[in-house]
Amino acid sequence: MKLALNDRQKQIVSSLRVKDAGKNAAAFDNLEKGEMTFSENGALCGLINAEFMMEGILPNFEPNEYGLELESLLDLINRPRLSS
């Protein structure tokens, strides 16, 4: 399933790819192709969750603007896994 990432989501994915330093290169490549495995989907969801916990929340544990963007990206990437 090809996911329709908007420009901002593509920027976030690109930033996460750099931070990941190649450990999940196949998952990122397959995300772009729309051919992620269940395992790759889980790996990317884990990276997004980790980014959210480090950069996406305010001191009161509510999401900041970036956190809301990460939540939206997570919803999109996780959609194929939830529909199976």
PDB file of N, CA and C in Angstrom:
ATOM      1  N   MET A   1       0.840  -1.175   0.000  1.00  0.00           N
ATOM      2  CA  MET A   1       0.000   0.000   0.000  1.00  0.00           C
ATOM      3  C   MET A   1       0.886   1.240   0.000  1.00  0.00           C
ATOM      4  N   LYS A   2       0.731   2.064  -1.007  1.00  0.00           N
ATOM      5  CA  LYS A   2       1.496   3.304  -1.110  1.00  0.00           C
ATOM      6  C   LYS A   2       0.851   4.346  -0.202  1.00  0.00           C
ATOM      7  N   LEU A   3       1.631   4.903   0.698  1.00  0.00           N
ATOM      8  CA  LEU A   3       1.122   5.909   1.614  1.00  0.00           C
ATOM      9  C   LEU A   3       1.351   7.289   1.025  1.00  0.00           C
ATOM     10  N   ALA A   4       0.362   8.145   1.137  1.00  0.00           N
ATOM     11  CA  ALA A   4       0.452   9.499   0.595  1.00  0.00           C
ATOM     12  C   ALA A   4       0.956  10.444   1.680  1.00  0.00           C
ATOM     13  N   LEU A   5       2.270  10.567   1.777  1.00  0.00           N
ATOM     14  CA  LEU A   5       2.865  11.481   2.748  1.00  0.00           C
ATOM     15  C   LEU A   5       2.819  12.896   2.193  1.00  0.00           C
ATOM     16  N   ASN A   6       2.458  13.862   3.040  1.00  0.00           N
ATOM     17  CA  ASN A   6       2.535  15.248   2.596  1.00  0.00           C
ATOM     18  C   ASN A   6       3.986  15.722   2.714  1.00  0.00           C
ATOM     19  N   ASP A   7       4.251  16.931   2.252  1.00  0.00           N
ATOM     20  CA  ASP A   7       5.633  17.427   2.233  1.00  0.00           C
ATOM     21  C   ASP A   7       6.247  17.469   3.629  1.00  0.00           C
ATOM     22  N   ARG A   8       5.491  17.906   4.610  1.00  0.00           N
ATOM     23  CA  ARG A   8       6.018  17.976   5.974  1.00  0.00           C
ATOM     24  C   ARG A   8       6.321  16.582   6.511  1.00  0.00           C
ATOM     25  N   GLN A   9       5.451  15.629   6.244  1.00  0.00           N
ATOM     26  CA  GLN A   9       5.695  14.255   6.685  1.00  0.00           C
ATOM     27  C   GLN A   9       6.939  13.686   6.017  1.00  0.00           C
ATOM     28  N   LYS A  10       7.156  14.021   4.761  1.00  0.00           N
ATOM     29  CA  LYS A  10       8.371  13.584   4.067  1.00  0.00           C
ATOM     30  C   LYS A  10       9.609  14.181   4.731  1.00  0.00           C
ATOM     31  N   GLN A  11       9.522  15.435   5.158  1.00  0.00           N
ATOM     32  CA  GLN A  11      10.647  16.070   5.861  1.00  0.00           C
ATOM     33  C   GLN A  11      10.934  15.352   7.177  1.00  0.00           C
ATOM     34  N   ILE A  12       9.893  15.033   7.906  1.00  0.00           N
ATOM     35  CA  ILE A  12      10.065  14.343   9.189  1.00  0.00           C
ATOM     36  C   ILE A  12      10.685  12.971   8.966  1.00  0.00           C
ATOM     37  N   VAL A  13      10.188  12.234   7.979  1.00  0.00           N
ATOM     38  CA  VAL A  13      10.741  10.907   7.672  1.00  0.00           C
ATOM     39  C   VAL A  13      12.209  11.031   7.294  1.00  0.00           C
ATOM     40  N   SER A  14      12.540  12.044   6.508  1.00  0.00           N
ATOM     41  CA  SER A  14      13.936  12.253   6.115  1.00  0.00           C
ATOM     42  C   SER A  14      14.808  12.531   7.339  1.00  0.00           C
ATOM     43  N   SER A  15      14.321  13.339   8.250  1.00  0.00           N
ATOM     44  CA  SER A  15      15.057  13.642   9.480  1.00  0.00           C
ATOM     45  C   SER A  15      15.229  12.394  10.343  1.00  0.00           C
ATOM     46  N   LEU A  16      14.175  11.595  10.447  1.00  0.00           N
ATOM     47  CA  LEU A  16      14.262  10.353  11.225  1.00  0.00           C
ATOM     48  C   LEU A  16      15.251   9.384  10.598  1.00  0.00           C
ATOM     49  N   ARG A  17      15.294   9.348   9.274  1.00  0.00           N
ATOM     50  CA  ARG A  17      16.243   8.474   8.567  1.00  0.00           C
ATOM     51  C   ARG A  17      17.674   8.865   8.920  1.00  0.00           C
ATOM     52  N   VAL A  18      17.955  10.159   8.942  1.00  0.00           N
ATOM     53  CA  VAL A  18      19.300  10.633   9.286  1.00  0.00           C
ATOM     54  C   VAL A  18      19.633  10.265  10.733  1.00  0.00           C
ATOM     55  N   LYS A  19      18.708  10.517  11.641  1.00  0.00           N
ATOM     56  CA  LYS A  19      18.939  10.194  13.056  1.00  0.00           C
ATOM     57  C   LYS A  19      19.147   8.698  13.270  1.00  0.00           C
ATOM     58  N   ASP A  20      18.496   7.884  12.444  1.00  0.00           N
ATOM     59  CA  ASP A  20      18.585   6.424  12.558  1.00  0.00           C
ATOM     60  C   ASP A  20      19.931   5.891  12.070  1.00  0.00           C
ATOM     61  N   ALA A  21      20.655   6.686  11.315  1.00  0.00           N
ATOM     62  CA  ALA A  21      22.012   6.351  10.854  1.00  0.00           C
ATOM     63  C   ALA A  21      22.104   5.016  10.116  1.00  0.00           C
ATOM     64  N   GLY A  22      21.093   4.716   9.310  1.00  0.00           N
ATOM     65  CA  GLY A  22      21.165   3.535   8.457  1.00  0.00           C
ATOM     66  C   GLY A  22      20.710   2.229   9.074  1.00  0.00           C
ATOM     67  N   LYS A  23      20.365   2.233  10.357  1.00  0.00           N
ATOM     68  CA  LYS A  23      19.982   0.972  11.015  1.00  0.00           C
ATOM     69  C   LYS A  23      18.711   0.363  10.432  1.00  0.00           C
ATOM     70  N   ASN A  24      17.817   1.200   9.953  1.00  0.00           N
ATOM     71  CA  ASN A  24      16.554   0.725   9.384  1.00  0.00           C
ATOM     72  C   ASN A  24      16.384   1.233   7.953  1.00  0.00           C
ATOM     73  N   ALA A  25      17.486   1.265   7.210  1.00  0.00           N
ATOM     74  CA  ALA A  25      17.458   1.807   5.846  1.00  0.00           C
ATOM     75  C   ALA A  25      16.438   1.095   4.973  1.00  0.00           C
ATOM     76  N   ALA A  26      16.354  -0.219   5.082  1.00  0.00           N
ATOM     77  CA  ALA A  26      15.400  -0.975   4.254  1.00  0.00           C
ATOM     78  C   ALA A  26      13.968  -0.564   4.574  1.00  0.00           C
ATOM     79  N   ALA A  27      13.669  -0.334   5.833  1.00  0.00           N
ATOM     80  CA  ALA A  27      12.313   0.078   6.216  1.00  0.00           C
ATOM     81  C   ALA A  27      11.976   1.438   5.614  1.00  0.00           C
ATOM     82  N   PHE A  28      12.928   2.374   5.671  1.00  0.00           N
ATOM     83  CA  PHE A  28      12.693   3.688   5.077  1.00  0.00           C
ATOM     84  C   PHE A  28      12.555   3.580   3.557  1.00  0.00           C
ATOM     85  N   ASP A  29      13.401   2.777   2.933  1.00  0.00           N
ATOM     86  CA  ASP A  29      13.308   2.576   1.481  1.00  0.00           C
ATOM     87  C   ASP A  29      11.958   1.982   1.107  1.00  0.00           C
ATOM     88  N   ASN A  30      11.529   0.990   1.864  1.00  0.00           N
ATOM     89  CA  ASN A  30      10.265   0.329   1.555  1.00  0.00           C
ATOM     90  C   ASN A  30       9.062   1.212   1.869  1.00  0.00           C
ATOM     91  N   LEU A  31       9.192   2.106   2.829  1.00  0.00           N
ATOM     92  CA  LEU A  31       8.137   3.089   3.076  1.00  0.00           C
ATOM     93  C   LEU A  31       7.934   3.932   1.824  1.00  0.00           C
ATOM     94  N   GLU A  32       9.038   4.379   1.228  1.00  0.00           N
ATOM     95  CA  GLU A  32       8.951   5.188   0.012  1.00  0.00           C
ATOM     96  C   GLU A  32       8.325   4.408  -1.138  1.00  0.00           C
ATOM     97  N   LYS A  33       8.585   3.108  -1.196  1.00  0.00           N
ATOM     98  CA  LYS A  33       8.036   2.260  -2.260  1.00  0.00           C
ATOM     99  C   LYS A  33       6.618   1.797  -1.952  1.00  0.00           C
ATOM    100  N   GLY A  34       6.209   1.897  -0.697  1.00  0.00           N
ATOM    101  CA  GLY A  34       4.904   1.399  -0.291  1.00  0.00           C
ATOM    102  C   GLY A  34       4.872  -0.101  -0.123  1.00  0.00           C
ATOM    103  N   GLU A  35       6.011  -0.689   0.245  1.00  0.00           N
ATOM    104  CA  GLU A  35       6.133  -2.147   0.346  1.00  0.00           C
ATOM    105  C   GLU A  35       6.647  -2.591   1.715  1.00  0.00           C
ATOM    106  N   MET A  36       6.248  -1.933   2.766  1.00  0.00           N
ATOM    107  CA  MET A  36       6.744  -2.274   4.098  1.00  0.00           C
ATOM    108  C   MET A  36       6.213  -3.611   4.586  1.00  0.00           C
ATOM    109  N   THR A  37       7.082  -4.346   5.245  1.00  0.00           N
ATOM    110  CA  THR A  37       6.647  -5.558   5.935  1.00  0.00           C
ATOM    111  C   THR A  37       6.065  -5.154   7.287  1.00  0.00           C
ATOM    112  N   PHE A  38       5.404  -6.090   7.936  1.00  0.00           N
ATOM    113  CA  PHE A  38       4.852  -5.857   9.267  1.00  0.00           C
ATOM    114  C   PHE A  38       5.967  -5.443  10.228  1.00  0.00           C
ATOM    115  N   SER A  39       7.094  -6.108  10.138  1.00  0.00           N
ATOM    116  CA  SER A  39       8.237  -5.821  11.003  1.00  0.00           C
ATOM    117  C   SER A  39       8.805  -4.426  10.740  1.00  0.00           C
ATOM    118  N   GLU A  40       8.935  -4.064   9.468  1.00  0.00           N
ATOM    119  CA  GLU A  40       9.450  -2.733   9.118  1.00  0.00           C
ATOM    120  C   GLU A  40       8.494  -1.650   9.590  1.00  0.00           C
ATOM    121  N   ASN A  41       7.208  -1.906   9.443  1.00  0.00           N
ATOM    122  CA  ASN A  41       6.208  -0.965   9.916  1.00  0.00           C
ATOM    123  C   ASN A  41       6.377  -0.750  11.418  1.00  0.00           C
ATOM    124  N   GLY A  42       6.554  -1.829  12.149  1.00  0.00           N
ATOM    125  CA  GLY A  42       6.752  -1.737  13.590  1.00  0.00           C
ATOM    126  C   GLY A  42       8.009  -0.964  13.959  1.00  0.00           C
ATOM    127  N   ALA A  43       9.078  -1.181  13.197  1.00  0.00           N
ATOM    128  CA  ALA A  43      10.334  -0.469  13.460  1.00  0.00           C
ATOM    129  C   ALA A  43      10.155   1.033  13.261  1.00  0.00           C
ATOM    130  N   LEU A  44       9.489   1.420  12.177  1.00  0.00           N
ATOM    131  CA  LEU A  44       9.276   2.845  11.922  1.00  0.00           C
ATOM    132  C   LEU A  44       8.346   3.458  12.964  1.00  0.00           C
ATOM    133  N   CYS A  45       7.322   2.728  13.356  1.00  0.00           N
ATOM    134  CA  CYS A  45       6.432   3.225  14.408  1.00  0.00           C
ATOM    135  C   CYS A  45       7.210   3.424  15.712  1.00  0.00           C
ATOM    136  N   GLY A  46       8.118   2.524  16.007  1.00  0.00           N
ATOM    137  CA  GLY A  46       8.953   2.662  17.194  1.00  0.00           C
ATOM    138  C   GLY A  46       9.842   3.892  17.141  1.00  0.00           C
ATOM    139  N   LEU A  47      10.406   4.168  15.966  1.00  0.00           N
ATOM    140  CA  LEU A  47      11.241   5.361  15.806  1.00  0.00           C
ATOM    141  C   LEU A  47      10.421   6.637  15.981  1.00  0.00           C
ATOM    142  N   ILE A  48       9.228   6.644  15.418  1.00  0.00           N
ATOM    143  CA  ILE A  48       8.358   7.816  15.552  1.00  0.00           C
ATOM    144  C   ILE A  48       7.955   7.999  17.013  1.00  0.00           C
ATOM    145  N   ASN A  49       7.623   6.918  17.687  1.00  0.00           N
ATOM    146  CA  ASN A  49       7.268   7.001  19.111  1.00  0.00           C
ATOM    147  C   ASN A  49       8.426   7.535  19.945  1.00  0.00           C
ATOM    148  N   ALA A  50       9.630   7.066  19.662  1.00  0.00           N
ATOM    149  CA  ALA A  50      10.805   7.534  20.407  1.00  0.00           C
ATOM    150  C   ALA A  50      11.040   9.023  20.165  1.00  0.00           C
ATOM    151  N   GLU A  51      10.895   9.449  18.923  1.00  0.00           N
ATOM    152  CA  GLU A  51      11.051  10.868  18.591  1.00  0.00           C
ATOM    153  C   GLU A  51       9.992  11.692  19.321  1.00  0.00           C
ATOM    154  N   PHE A  52       8.786  11.178  19.363  1.00  0.00           N
ATOM    155  CA  PHE A  52       7.710  11.871  20.072  1.00  0.00           C
ATOM    156  C   PHE A  52       8.068  12.059  21.546  1.00  0.00           C
ATOM    157  N   MET A  53       8.558  11.018  22.179  1.00  0.00           N
ATOM    158  CA  MET A  53       8.891  11.101  23.601  1.00  0.00           C
ATOM    159  C   MET A  53      10.051  12.058  23.870  1.00  0.00           C
ATOM    160  N   MET A  54      10.983  12.164  22.935  1.00  0.00           N
ATOM    161  CA  MET A  54      12.154  13.030  23.135  1.00  0.00           C
ATOM    162  C   MET A  54      11.898  14.481  22.718  1.00  0.00           C
ATOM    163  N   GLU A  55      11.108  14.677  21.669  1.00  0.00           N
ATOM    164  CA  GLU A  55      10.988  16.016  21.085  1.00  0.00           C
ATOM    165  C   GLU A  55       9.557  16.526  20.948  1.00  0.00           C
ATOM    166  N   GLY A  56       8.574  15.671  21.171  1.00  0.00           N
ATOM    167  CA  GLY A  56       7.209  16.034  20.814  1.00  0.00           C
ATOM    168  C   GLY A  56       6.262  16.349  21.949  1.00  0.00           C
ATOM    169  N   ILE A  57       6.788  16.461  23.171  1.00  0.00           N
ATOM    170  CA  ILE A  57       5.878  16.738  24.286  1.00  0.00           C
ATOM    171  C   ILE A  57       6.346  17.947  25.093  1.00  0.00           C
ATOM    172  N   LEU A  58       5.368  18.607  25.663  1.00  0.00           N
ATOM    173  CA  LEU A  58       5.608  19.755  26.532  1.00  0.00           C
ATOM    174  C   LEU A  58       5.868  19.261  27.957  1.00  0.00           C
ATOM    175  N   PRO A  59       6.326  20.139  28.842  1.00  0.00           N
ATOM    176  CA  PRO A  59       6.562  19.731  30.232  1.00  0.00           C
ATOM    177  C   PRO A  59       5.325  19.141  30.924  1.00  0.00           C
ATOM    178  N   ASN A  60       4.122  19.524  30.471  1.00  0.00           N
ATOM    179  CA  ASN A  60       2.894  18.984  31.061  1.00  0.00           C
ATOM    180  C   ASN A  60       2.447  17.693  30.363  1.00  0.00           C
ATOM    181  N   PHE A  61       3.319  17.148  29.519  1.00  0.00           N
ATOM    182  CA  PHE A  61       3.109  15.880  28.805  1.00  0.00           C
ATOM    183  C   PHE A  61       2.042  15.938  27.712  1.00  0.00           C
ATOM    184  N   GLU A  62       1.635  17.136  27.346  1.00  0.00           N
ATOM    185  CA  GLU A  62       0.763  17.308  26.184  1.00  0.00           C
ATOM    186  C   GLU A  62       1.659  17.449  24.953  1.00  0.00           C
ATOM    187  N   PRO A  63       1.171  17.050  23.780  1.00  0.00           N
ATOM    188  CA  PRO A  63       2.001  17.174  22.585  1.00  0.00           C
ATOM    189  C   PRO A  63       2.187  18.631  22.175  1.00  0.00           C
ATOM    190  N   ASN A  64       3.407  18.953  21.751  1.00  0.00           N
ATOM    191  CA  ASN A  64       3.653  20.259  21.154  1.00  0.00           C
ATOM    192  C   ASN A  64       3.295  20.162  19.664  1.00  0.00           C
ATOM    193  N   GLU A  65       3.550  21.216  18.905  1.00  0.00           N
ATOM    194  CA  GLU A  65       3.186  21.213  17.484  1.00  0.00           C
ATOM    195  C   GLU A  65       3.874  20.072  16.735  1.00  0.00           C
ATOM    196  N   TYR A  66       5.156  19.881  17.004  1.00  0.00           N
ATOM    197  CA  TYR A  66       5.897  18.786  16.370  1.00  0.00           C
ATOM    198  C   TYR A  66       5.321  17.436  16.794  1.00  0.00           C
ATOM    199  N   GLY A  67       4.936  17.328  18.048  1.00  0.00           N
ATOM    200  CA  GLY A  67       4.329  16.094  18.540  1.00  0.00           C
ATOM    201  C   GLY A  67       3.035  15.767  17.812  1.00  0.00           C
ATOM    202  N   LEU A  68       2.244  16.781  17.518  1.00  0.00           N
ATOM    203  CA  LEU A  68       1.009  16.560  16.763  1.00  0.00           C
ATOM    204  C   LEU A  68       1.321  16.081  15.347  1.00  0.00           C
ATOM    205  N   GLU A  69       2.380  16.633  14.764  1.00  0.00           N
ATOM    206  CA  GLU A  69       2.799  16.181  13.430  1.00  0.00           C
ATOM    207  C   GLU A  69       3.256  14.724  13.476  1.00  0.00           C
ATOM    208  N   LEU A  70       3.985  14.373  14.528  1.00  0.00           N
ATOM    209  CA  LEU A  70       4.432  12.987  14.678  1.00  0.00           C
ATOM    210  C   LEU A  70       3.251  12.040  14.875  1.00  0.00           C
ATOM    211  N   GLU A  71       2.267  12.460  15.653  1.00  0.00           N
ATOM    212  CA  GLU A  71       1.071  11.634  15.846  1.00  0.00           C
ATOM    213  C   GLU A  71       0.364  11.383  14.521  1.00  0.00           C
ATOM    214  N   SER A  72       0.256  12.423  13.705  1.00  0.00           N
ATOM    215  CA  SER A  72      -0.385  12.288  12.396  1.00  0.00           C
ATOM    216  C   SER A  72       0.395  11.332  11.499  1.00  0.00           C
ATOM    217  N   LEU A  73       1.716  11.457  11.517  1.00  0.00           N
ATOM    218  CA  LEU A  73       2.571  10.564  10.729  1.00  0.00           C
ATOM    219  C   LEU A  73       2.439   9.128  11.225  1.00  0.00           C
ATOM    220  N   LEU A  74       2.428   8.952  12.519  1.00  0.00           N
ATOM    221  CA  LEU A  74       2.275   7.613  13.094  1.00  0.00           C
ATOM    222  C   LEU A  74       0.939   6.989  12.678  1.00  0.00           C
ATOM    223  N   ASP A  75      -0.122   7.776  12.730  1.00  0.00           N
ATOM    224  CA  ASP A  75      -1.436   7.275  12.307  1.00  0.00           C
ATOM    225  C   ASP A  75      -1.397   6.804  10.859  1.00  0.00           C
ATOM    226  N   LEU A  76      -0.767   7.581   9.998  1.00  0.00           N
ATOM    227  CA  LEU A  76      -0.700   7.233   8.579  1.00  0.00           C
ATOM    228  C   LEU A  76       0.131   5.973   8.353  1.00  0.00           C
ATOM    229  N   ILE A  77       1.302   5.909   8.953  1.00  0.00           N
ATOM    230  CA  ILE A  77       2.193   4.764   8.742  1.00  0.00           C
ATOM    231  C   ILE A  77       1.619   3.498   9.369  1.00  0.00           C
ATOM    232  N   ASN A  78       0.919   3.644  10.463  1.00  0.00           N
ATOM    233  CA  ASN A  78       0.370   2.486  11.169  1.00  0.00           C
ATOM    234  C   ASN A  78      -0.937   1.982  10.543  1.00  0.00           C
ATOM    235  N   ARG A  79      -1.558   2.771   9.684  1.00  0.00           N
ATOM    236  CA  ARG A  79      -2.859   2.408   9.107  1.00  0.00           C
ATOM    237  C   ARG A  79      -2.873   1.036   8.434  1.00  0.00           C
ATOM    238  N   PRO A  80      -1.884   0.694   7.595  1.00  0.00           N
ATOM    239  CA  PRO A  80      -1.921  -0.638   6.964  1.00  0.00           C
ATOM    240  C   PRO A  80      -1.856  -1.779   7.983  1.00  0.00           C
ATOM    241  N   ARG A  81      -1.123  -1.580   9.048  1.00  0.00           N
ATOM    242  CA  ARG A  81      -0.992  -2.616  10.070  1.00  0.00           C
ATOM    243  C   ARG A  81      -2.309  -2.807  10.816  1.00  0.00           C
ATOM    244  N   LEU A  82      -3.024  -1.728  11.032  1.00  0.00           N
ATOM    245  CA  LEU A  82      -4.291  -1.810  11.750  1.00  0.00           C
ATOM    246  C   LEU A  82      -5.402  -2.396  10.890  1.00  0.00           C
ATOM    247  N   SER A  83      -5.288  -2.232   9.574  1.00  0.00           N
ATOM    248  CA  SER A  83      -6.343  -2.722   8.685  1.00  0.00           C
ATOM    249  C   SER A  83      -6.176  -4.194   8.325  1.00  0.00           C
ATOM    250  N   SER A  84      -5.052  -4.803   8.712  1.00  0.00           N
ATOM    251  CA  SER A  84      -4.843  -6.219   8.366  1.00  0.00           C
ATOM    252  C   SER A  84      -5.304  -7.144   9.463  1.00  0.00           C
TER     253      SER A  84
END
